[in-house]
Amino acid sequence: MAAVEKRPLQIYLRADQLEALRALARRRGVSMAELVREGVDQVLDETTPEEDPLMGIVGIFDSGLDDLAQKHDEHLARVMGEEGAGAT
């Protein structure tokens, strides 16, 4: 299995959180870092797409095309061709 790149992150926990995390890591036989990564994965899995700030841009542009989602490549190629033809 390929190694997953990991990056460091410093966090501050309350004393009770730290002790509970240590105890749980010991019981499970894993590192505290592994438990933190599991917790981050769980929060990300529970996050709905609507909570993503980029979702705010969905629907703000009207292309005037009824089939843009299905034929976006064709429309893009046509526009790129038109722009390329005008650049002489």
PDB file of N, CA and C in Angstrom:
ATOM      1  N   MET A   1       0.842  -1.172   0.000  1.00  0.00           N
ATOM      2  CA  MET A   1       0.000   0.000   0.000  1.00  0.00           C
ATOM      3  C   MET A   1       0.889   1.236   0.000  1.00  0.00           C
ATOM      4  N   ALA A   2       0.533   2.238  -0.801  1.00  0.00           N
ATOM      5  CA  ALA A   2       1.324   3.462  -0.906  1.00  0.00           C
ATOM      6  C   ALA A   2       1.210   4.281   0.371  1.00  0.00           C
ATOM      7  N   ALA A   3       2.302   4.930   0.736  1.00  0.00           N
ATOM      8  CA  ALA A   3       2.311   5.772   1.925  1.00  0.00           C
ATOM      9  C   ALA A   3       1.484   7.024   1.667  1.00  0.00           C
ATOM     10  N   VAL A   4       0.720   7.419   2.663  1.00  0.00           N
ATOM     11  CA  VAL A   4      -0.092   8.624   2.579  1.00  0.00           C
ATOM     12  C   VAL A   4       0.712   9.776   3.151  1.00  0.00           C
ATOM     13  N   GLU A   5       0.782  10.869   2.407  1.00  0.00           N
ATOM     14  CA  GLU A   5       1.519  12.038   2.889  1.00  0.00           C
ATOM     15  C   GLU A   5       0.742  12.675   4.034  1.00  0.00           C
ATOM     16  N   LYS A   6       1.434  12.943   5.115  1.00  0.00           N
ATOM     17  CA  LYS A   6       0.823  13.570   6.287  1.00  0.00           C
ATOM     18  C   LYS A   6       1.570  14.852   6.582  1.00  0.00           C
ATOM     19  N   ARG A   7       0.849  15.835   7.056  1.00  0.00           N
ATOM     20  CA  ARG A   7       1.440  17.125   7.401  1.00  0.00           C
ATOM     21  C   ARG A   7       1.161  17.416   8.870  1.00  0.00           C
ATOM     22  N   PRO A   8       2.085  18.093   9.547  1.00  0.00           N
ATOM     23  CA  PRO A   8       1.895  18.382  10.968  1.00  0.00           C
ATOM     24  C   PRO A   8       0.850  19.468  11.206  1.00  0.00           C
ATOM     25  N   LEU A   9       0.197  19.361  12.359  1.00  0.00           N
ATOM     26  CA  LEU A   9      -0.780  20.348  12.790  1.00  0.00           C
ATOM     27  C   LEU A   9      -0.716  20.425  14.305  1.00  0.00           C
ATOM     28  N   GLN A  10      -0.580  21.611  14.827  1.00  0.00           N
ATOM     29  CA  GLN A  10      -0.555  21.781  16.276  1.00  0.00           C
ATOM     30  C   GLN A  10      -1.938  22.207  16.736  1.00  0.00           C
ATOM     31  N   ILE A  11      -2.468  21.512  17.750  1.00  0.00           N
ATOM     32  CA  ILE A  11      -3.766  21.872  18.313  1.00  0.00           C
ATOM     33  C   ILE A  11      -3.650  21.933  19.825  1.00  0.00           C
ATOM     34  N   TYR A  12      -4.573  22.653  20.426  1.00  0.00           N
ATOM     35  CA  TYR A  12      -4.629  22.737  21.881  1.00  0.00           C
ATOM     36  C   TYR A  12      -5.915  22.083  22.347  1.00  0.00           C
ATOM     37  N   LEU A  13      -5.783  21.159  23.288  1.00  0.00           N
ATOM     38  CA  LEU A  13      -6.926  20.461  23.851  1.00  0.00           C
ATOM     39  C   LEU A  13      -7.070  20.817  25.325  1.00  0.00           C
ATOM     40  N   ARG A  14      -8.295  20.727  25.808  1.00  0.00           N
ATOM     41  CA  ARG A  14      -8.506  20.874  27.253  1.00  0.00           C
ATOM     42  C   ARG A  14      -7.873  19.667  27.938  1.00  0.00           C
ATOM     43  N   ALA A  15      -7.546  19.817  29.196  1.00  0.00           N
ATOM     44  CA  ALA A  15      -6.913  18.728  29.951  1.00  0.00           C
ATOM     45  C   ALA A  15      -7.787  17.470  29.935  1.00  0.00           C
ATOM     46  N   ASP A  16      -9.092  17.633  30.097  1.00  0.00           N
ATOM     47  CA  ASP A  16      -9.981  16.464  30.104  1.00  0.00           C
ATOM     48  C   ASP A  16     -10.011  15.777  28.737  1.00  0.00           C
ATOM     49  N   GLN A  17      -9.949  16.554  27.665  1.00  0.00           N
ATOM     50  CA  GLN A  17      -9.925  15.961  26.329  1.00  0.00           C
ATOM     51  C   GLN A  17      -8.638  15.172  26.111  1.00  0.00           C
ATOM     52  N   LEU A  18      -7.534  15.752  26.541  1.00  0.00           N
ATOM     53  CA  LEU A  18      -6.238  15.110  26.371  1.00  0.00           C
ATOM     54  C   LEU A  18      -6.170  13.792  27.129  1.00  0.00           C
ATOM     55  N   GLU A  19      -6.623  13.790  28.371  1.00  0.00           N
ATOM     56  CA  GLU A  19      -6.600  12.555  29.169  1.00  0.00           C
ATOM     57  C   GLU A  19      -7.519  11.495  28.578  1.00  0.00           C
ATOM     58  N   ALA A  20      -8.704  11.893  28.135  1.00  0.00           N
ATOM     59  CA  ALA A  20      -9.633  10.929  27.529  1.00  0.00           C
ATOM     60  C   ALA A  20      -9.065  10.374  26.235  1.00  0.00           C
ATOM     61  N   LEU A  21      -8.407  11.225  25.453  1.00  0.00           N
ATOM     62  CA  LEU A  21      -7.799  10.785  24.198  1.00  0.00           C
ATOM     63  C   LEU A  21      -6.660   9.807  24.449  1.00  0.00           C
ATOM     64  N   ARG A  22      -5.836  10.108  25.446  1.00  0.00           N
ATOM     65  CA  ARG A  22      -4.743   9.186  25.800  1.00  0.00           C
ATOM     66  C   ARG A  22      -5.283   7.827  26.225  1.00  0.00           C
ATOM     67  N   ALA A  23      -6.306   7.851  27.076  1.00  0.00           N
ATOM     68  CA  ALA A  23      -6.884   6.595  27.574  1.00  0.00           C
ATOM     69  C   ALA A  23      -7.488   5.786  26.423  1.00  0.00           C
ATOM     70  N   LEU A  24      -8.198   6.451  25.536  1.00  0.00           N
ATOM     71  CA  LEU A  24      -8.806   5.752  24.403  1.00  0.00           C
ATOM     72  C   LEU A  24      -7.740   5.193  23.470  1.00  0.00           C
ATOM     73  N   ALA A  25      -6.686   5.950  23.226  1.00  0.00           N
ATOM     74  CA  ALA A  25      -5.589   5.478  22.367  1.00  0.00           C
ATOM     75  C   ALA A  25      -4.953   4.229  22.974  1.00  0.00           C
ATOM     76  N   ARG A  26      -4.747   4.232  24.275  1.00  0.00           N
ATOM     77  CA  ARG A  26      -4.173   3.055  24.946  1.00  0.00           C
ATOM     78  C   ARG A  26      -5.093   1.849  24.790  1.00  0.00           C
ATOM     79  N   ARG A  27      -6.390   2.062  25.041  1.00  0.00           N
ATOM     80  CA  ARG A  27      -7.337   0.942  24.946  1.00  0.00           C
ATOM     81  C   ARG A  27      -7.395   0.369  23.532  1.00  0.00           C
ATOM     82  N   ARG A  28      -7.340   1.229  22.546  1.00  0.00           N
ATOM     83  CA  ARG A  28      -7.427   0.771  21.152  1.00  0.00           C
ATOM     84  C   ARG A  28      -6.084   0.343  20.588  1.00  0.00           C
ATOM     85  N   GLY A  29      -5.008   0.698  21.261  1.00  0.00           N
ATOM     86  CA  GLY A  29      -3.683   0.343  20.773  1.00  0.00           C
ATOM     87  C   GLY A  29      -3.267   1.142  19.551  1.00  0.00           C
ATOM     88  N   VAL A  30      -3.710   2.398  19.491  1.00  0.00           N
ATOM     89  CA  VAL A  30      -3.351   3.282  18.376  1.00  0.00           C
ATOM     90  C   VAL A  30      -2.790   4.581  18.953  1.00  0.00           C
ATOM     91  N   SER A  31      -2.247   5.393  18.083  1.00  0.00           N
ATOM     92  CA  SER A  31      -1.714   6.678  18.535  1.00  0.00           C
ATOM     93  C   SER A  31      -2.846   7.694  18.709  1.00  0.00           C
ATOM     94  N   MET A  32      -2.550   8.729  19.483  1.00  0.00           N
ATOM     95  CA  MET A  32      -3.518   9.811  19.633  1.00  0.00           C
ATOM     96  C   MET A  32      -3.715  10.506  18.288  1.00  0.00           C
ATOM     97  N   ALA A  33      -2.655  10.620  17.507  1.00  0.00           N
ATOM     98  CA  ALA A  33      -2.760  11.244  16.190  1.00  0.00           C
ATOM     99  C   ALA A  33      -3.747  10.489  15.304  1.00  0.00           C
ATOM    100  N   GLU A  34      -3.714   9.158  15.383  1.00  0.00           N
ATOM    101  CA  GLU A  34      -4.648   8.352  14.587  1.00  0.00           C
ATOM    102  C   GLU A  34      -6.089   8.638  15.003  1.00  0.00           C
ATOM    103  N   LEU A  35      -6.324   8.764  16.292  1.00  0.00           N
ATOM    104  CA  LEU A  35      -7.678   9.083  16.759  1.00  0.00           C
ATOM    105  C   LEU A  35      -8.117  10.458  16.282  1.00  0.00           C
ATOM    106  N   VAL A  36      -7.208  11.417  16.301  1.00  0.00           N
ATOM    107  CA  VAL A  36      -7.536  12.765  15.821  1.00  0.00           C
ATOM    108  C   VAL A  36      -7.870  12.714  14.331  1.00  0.00           C
ATOM    109  N   ARG A  37      -7.075  11.977  13.553  1.00  0.00           N
ATOM    110  CA  ARG A  37      -7.367  11.848  12.120  1.00  0.00           C
ATOM    111  C   ARG A  37      -8.731  11.190  11.898  1.00  0.00           C
ATOM    112  N   GLU A  38      -9.059  10.173  12.685  1.00  0.00           N
ATOM    113  CA  GLU A  38     -10.374   9.531  12.582  1.00  0.00           C
ATOM    114  C   GLU A  38     -11.479  10.540  12.885  1.00  0.00           C
ATOM    115  N   GLY A  39     -11.252  11.356  13.908  1.00  0.00           N
ATOM    116  CA  GLY A  39     -12.248  12.371  14.264  1.00  0.00           C
ATOM    117  C   GLY A  39     -12.433  13.399  13.163  1.00  0.00           C
ATOM    118  N   VAL A  40     -11.346  13.821  12.545  1.00  0.00           N
ATOM    119  CA  VAL A  40     -11.424  14.779  11.441  1.00  0.00           C
ATOM    120  C   VAL A  40     -12.193  14.150  10.281  1.00  0.00           C
ATOM    121  N   ASP A  41     -11.885  12.900   9.955  1.00  0.00           N
ATOM    122  CA  ASP A  41     -12.605  12.210   8.881  1.00  0.00           C
ATOM    123  C   ASP A  41     -14.098  12.141   9.176  1.00  0.00           C
ATOM    124  N   GLN A  42     -14.442  11.867  10.422  1.00  0.00           N
ATOM    125  CA  GLN A  42     -15.849  11.769  10.804  1.00  0.00           C
ATOM    126  C   GLN A  42     -16.551  13.112  10.630  1.00  0.00           C
ATOM    127  N   VAL A  43     -15.936  14.193  11.071  1.00  0.00           N
ATOM    128  CA  VAL A  43     -16.529  15.524  10.915  1.00  0.00           C
ATOM    129  C   VAL A  43     -16.691  15.860   9.437  1.00  0.00           C
ATOM    130  N   LEU A  44     -15.680  15.557   8.629  1.00  0.00           N
ATOM    131  CA  LEU A  44     -15.771  15.848   7.204  1.00  0.00           C
ATOM    132  C   LEU A  44     -16.848  15.013   6.525  1.00  0.00           C
ATOM    133  N   ASP A  45     -17.002  13.762   6.934  1.00  0.00           N
ATOM    134  CA  ASP A  45     -18.047  12.901   6.372  1.00  0.00           C
ATOM    135  C   ASP A  45     -19.436  13.414   6.728  1.00  0.00           C
ATOM    136  N   GLU A  46     -19.571  14.025   7.897  1.00  0.00           N
ATOM    137  CA  GLU A  46     -20.870  14.516   8.362  1.00  0.00           C
ATOM    138  C   GLU A  46     -21.208  15.894   7.806  1.00  0.00           C
ATOM    139  N   THR A  47     -20.237  16.553   7.190  1.00  0.00           N
ATOM    140  CA  THR A  47     -20.455  17.896   6.663  1.00  0.00           C
ATOM    141  C   THR A  47     -21.224  17.796   5.357  1.00  0.00           C
ATOM    142  N   THR A  48     -22.324  18.519   5.280  1.00  0.00           N
ATOM    143  CA  THR A  48     -23.151  18.479   4.085  1.00  0.00           C
ATOM    144  C   THR A  48     -22.578  19.399   3.016  1.00  0.00           C
ATOM    145  N   PRO A  49     -22.843  19.104   1.763  1.00  0.00           N
ATOM    146  CA  PRO A  49     -22.357  19.982   0.697  1.00  0.00           C
ATOM    147  C   PRO A  49     -22.850  21.422   0.849  1.00  0.00           C
ATOM    148  N   GLU A  50     -24.032  21.603   1.438  1.00  0.00           N
ATOM    149  CA  GLU A  50     -24.582  22.941   1.615  1.00  0.00           C
ATOM    150  C   GLU A  50     -23.732  23.787   2.553  1.00  0.00           C
ATOM    151  N   GLU A  51     -22.948  23.154   3.428  1.00  0.00           N
ATOM    152  CA  GLU A  51     -22.083  23.884   4.346  1.00  0.00           C
ATOM    153  C   GLU A  51     -20.807  24.367   3.671  1.00  0.00           C
ATOM    154  N   ASP A  52     -20.545  23.891   2.453  1.00  0.00           N
ATOM    155  CA  ASP A  52     -19.350  24.297   1.722  1.00  0.00           C
ATOM    156  C   ASP A  52     -19.548  25.716   1.215  1.00  0.00           C
ATOM    157  N   PRO A  53     -18.656  26.631   1.559  1.00  0.00           N
ATOM    158  CA  PRO A  53     -18.842  28.020   1.134  1.00  0.00           C
ATOM    159  C   PRO A  53     -18.881  28.186  -0.382  1.00  0.00           C
ATOM    160  N   LEU A  54     -18.277  27.285  -1.128  1.00  0.00           N
ATOM    161  CA  LEU A  54     -18.323  27.381  -2.586  1.00  0.00           C
ATOM    162  C   LEU A  54     -19.709  27.104  -3.146  1.00  0.00           C
ATOM    163  N   MET A  55     -20.571  26.467  -2.347  1.00  0.00           N
ATOM    164  CA  MET A  55     -21.926  26.204  -2.826  1.00  0.00           C
ATOM    165  C   MET A  55     -22.691  27.504  -3.041  1.00  0.00           C
ATOM    166  N   GLY A  56     -22.221  28.600  -2.456  1.00  0.00           N
ATOM    167  CA  GLY A  56     -22.879  29.888  -2.630  1.00  0.00           C
ATOM    168  C   GLY A  56     -22.827  30.407  -4.053  1.00  0.00           C
ATOM    169  N   ILE A  57     -21.912  29.897  -4.861  1.00  0.00           N
ATOM    170  CA  ILE A  57     -21.828  30.367  -6.244  1.00  0.00           C
ATOM    171  C   ILE A  57     -22.716  29.571  -7.185  1.00  0.00           C
ATOM    172  N   VAL A  58     -23.259  28.454  -6.713  1.00  0.00           N
ATOM    173  CA  VAL A  58     -24.107  27.625  -7.559  1.00  0.00           C
ATOM    174  C   VAL A  58     -25.391  28.375  -7.880  1.00  0.00           C
ATOM    175  N   GLY A  59     -25.682  28.474  -9.153  1.00  0.00           N
ATOM    176  CA  GLY A  59     -26.929  29.080  -9.583  1.00  0.00           C
ATOM    177  C   GLY A  59     -26.893  30.588  -9.749  1.00  0.00           C
ATOM    178  N   ILE A  60     -25.745  31.235  -9.546  1.00  0.00           N
ATOM    179  CA  ILE A  60     -25.733  32.696  -9.675  1.00  0.00           C
ATOM    180  C   ILE A  60     -25.518  33.137 -11.125  1.00  0.00           C
ATOM    181  N   PHE A  61     -25.211  32.216 -12.011  1.00  0.00           N
ATOM    182  CA  PHE A  61     -24.953  32.537 -13.404  1.00  0.00           C
ATOM    183  C   PHE A  61     -25.963  31.814 -14.283  1.00  0.00           C
ATOM    184  N   ASP A  62     -26.588  32.542 -15.172  1.00  0.00           N
ATOM    185  CA  ASP A  62     -27.516  31.928 -16.121  1.00  0.00           C
ATOM    186  C   ASP A  62     -26.861  31.922 -17.491  1.00  0.00           C
ATOM    187  N   SER A  63     -26.504  30.752 -17.964  1.00  0.00           N
ATOM    188  CA  SER A  63     -25.820  30.632 -19.257  1.00  0.00           C
ATOM    189  C   SER A  63     -26.772  30.787 -20.424  1.00  0.00           C
ATOM    190  N   GLY A  64     -28.059  30.602 -20.165  1.00  0.00           N
ATOM    191  CA  GLY A  64     -29.022  30.626 -21.249  1.00  0.00           C
ATOM    192  C   GLY A  64     -29.073  29.312 -22.015  1.00  0.00           C
ATOM    193  N   LEU A  65     -28.270  28.345 -21.593  1.00  0.00           N
ATOM    194  CA  LEU A  65     -28.237  27.039 -22.254  1.00  0.00           C
ATOM    195  C   LEU A  65     -28.964  26.019 -21.379  1.00  0.00           C
ATOM    196  N   ASP A  66     -29.883  25.286 -22.000  1.00  0.00           N
ATOM    197  CA  ASP A  66     -30.647  24.285 -21.245  1.00  0.00           C
ATOM    198  C   ASP A  66     -29.877  22.996 -21.013  1.00  0.00           C
ATOM    199  N   ASP A  67     -28.835  22.752 -21.811  1.00  0.00           N
ATOM    200  CA  ASP A  67     -28.125  21.482 -21.746  1.00  0.00           C
ATOM    201  C   ASP A  67     -26.667  21.646 -21.299  1.00  0.00           C
ATOM    202  N   LEU A  68     -26.371  22.703 -20.564  1.00  0.00           N
ATOM    203  CA  LEU A  68     -24.990  22.990 -20.191  1.00  0.00           C
ATOM    204  C   LEU A  68     -24.381  21.859 -19.364  1.00  0.00           C
ATOM    205  N   ALA A  69     -25.133  21.292 -18.460  1.00  0.00           N
ATOM    206  CA  ALA A  69     -24.593  20.226 -17.614  1.00  0.00           C
ATOM    207  C   ALA A  69     -24.232  18.985 -18.430  1.00  0.00           C
ATOM    208  N   GLN A  70     -25.025  18.689 -19.443  1.00  0.00           N
ATOM    209  CA  GLN A  70     -24.787  17.495 -20.248  1.00  0.00           C
ATOM    210  C   GLN A  70     -23.736  17.723 -21.345  1.00  0.00           C
ATOM    211  N   LYS A  71     -23.695  18.930 -21.902  1.00  0.00           N
ATOM    212  CA  LYS A  71     -22.840  19.174 -23.061  1.00  0.00           C
ATOM    213  C   LYS A  71     -21.820  20.273 -22.795  1.00  0.00           C
ATOM    214  N   HIS A  72     -21.331  20.373 -21.575  1.00  0.00           N
ATOM    215  CA  HIS A  72     -20.405  21.452 -21.234  1.00  0.00           C
ATOM    216  C   HIS A  72     -19.132  21.421 -22.077  1.00  0.00           C
ATOM    217  N   ASP A  73     -18.625  20.226 -22.389  1.00  0.00           N
ATOM    218  CA  ASP A  73     -17.409  20.127 -23.200  1.00  0.00           C
ATOM    219  C   ASP A  73     -17.633  20.690 -24.603  1.00  0.00           C
ATOM    220  N   GLU A  74     -18.777  20.384 -25.184  1.00  0.00           N
ATOM    221  CA  GLU A  74     -19.079  20.880 -26.529  1.00  0.00           C
ATOM    222  C   GLU A  74     -19.195  22.407 -26.530  1.00  0.00           C
ATOM    223  N   HIS A  75     -19.896  22.935 -25.532  1.00  0.00           N
ATOM    224  CA  HIS A  75     -20.060  24.391 -25.449  1.00  0.00           C
ATOM    225  C   HIS A  75     -18.717  25.074 -25.218  1.00  0.00           C
ATOM    226  N   LEU A  76     -17.897  24.509 -24.362  1.00  0.00           N
ATOM    227  CA  LEU A  76     -16.585  25.086 -24.085  1.00  0.00           C
ATOM    228  C   LEU A  76     -15.703  25.050 -25.334  1.00  0.00           C
ATOM    229  N   ALA A  77     -15.726  23.943 -26.065  1.00  0.00           N
ATOM    230  CA  ALA A  77     -14.931  23.830 -27.283  1.00  0.00           C
ATOM    231  C   ALA A  77     -15.386  24.861 -28.312  1.00  0.00           C
ATOM    232  N   ARG A  78     -16.694  25.076 -28.418  1.00  0.00           N
ATOM    233  CA  ARG A  78     -17.216  26.054 -29.363  1.00  0.00           C
ATOM    234  C   ARG A  78     -16.738  27.459 -28.987  1.00  0.00           C
ATOM    235  N   VAL A  79     -16.840  27.813 -27.724  1.00  0.00           N
ATOM    236  CA  VAL A  79     -16.418  29.143 -27.277  1.00  0.00           C
ATOM    237  C   VAL A  79     -14.925  29.324 -27.464  1.00  0.00           C
ATOM    238  N   MET A  80     -14.158  28.310 -27.116  1.00  0.00           N
ATOM    239  CA  MET A  80     -12.700  28.386 -27.264  1.00  0.00           C
ATOM    240  C   MET A  80     -12.339  28.530 -28.743  1.00  0.00           C
ATOM    241  N   GLY A  81     -13.051  27.840 -29.618  1.00  0.00           N
ATOM    242  CA  GLY A  81     -12.815  27.951 -31.057  1.00  0.00           C
ATOM    243  C   GLY A  81     -13.126  29.347 -31.568  1.00  0.00           C
ATOM    244  N   GLU A  82     -14.219  29.934 -31.072  1.00  0.00           N
ATOM    245  CA  GLU A  82     -14.607  31.280 -31.475  1.00  0.00           C
ATOM    246  C   GLU A  82     -13.566  32.297 -31.010  1.00  0.00           C
ATOM    247  N   GLU A  83     -13.088  32.147 -29.795  1.00  0.00           N
ATOM    248  CA  GLU A  83     -12.081  33.076 -29.265  1.00  0.00           C
ATOM    249  C   GLU A  83     -10.767  32.926 -30.016  1.00  0.00           C
ATOM    250  N   GLY A  84     -10.406  31.691 -30.346  1.00  0.00           N
ATOM    251  CA  GLY A  84      -9.170  31.442 -31.079  1.00  0.00           C
ATOM    252  C   GLY A  84      -9.223  31.994 -32.494  1.00  0.00           C
ATOM    253  N   ALA A  85     -10.411  31.940 -33.124  1.00  0.00           N
ATOM    254  CA  ALA A  85     -10.556  32.434 -34.489  1.00  0.00           C
ATOM    255  C   ALA A  85     -10.441  33.952 -34.539  1.00  0.00           C
ATOM    256  N   GLY A  86     -10.836  34.634 -33.474  1.00  0.00           N
ATOM    257  CA  GLY A  86     -10.793  36.081 -33.447  1.00  0.00           C
ATOM    258  C   GLY A  86      -9.429  36.626 -33.078  1.00  0.00           C
ATOM    259  N   ALA A  87      -8.533  35.796 -32.590  1.00  0.00           N
ATOM    260  CA  ALA A  87      -7.200  36.250 -32.143  1.00  0.00           C
ATOM    261  C   ALA A  87      -6.190  36.038 -33.251  1.00  0.00           C
ATOM    262  N   THR A  88      -6.110  36.964 -34.172  1.00  0.00           N
ATOM    263  CA  THR A  88      -5.146  36.838 -35.269  1.00  0.00           C
ATOM    264  C   THR A  88      -4.113  37.930 -35.216  1.00  0.00           C
TER     265      THR A  88
END
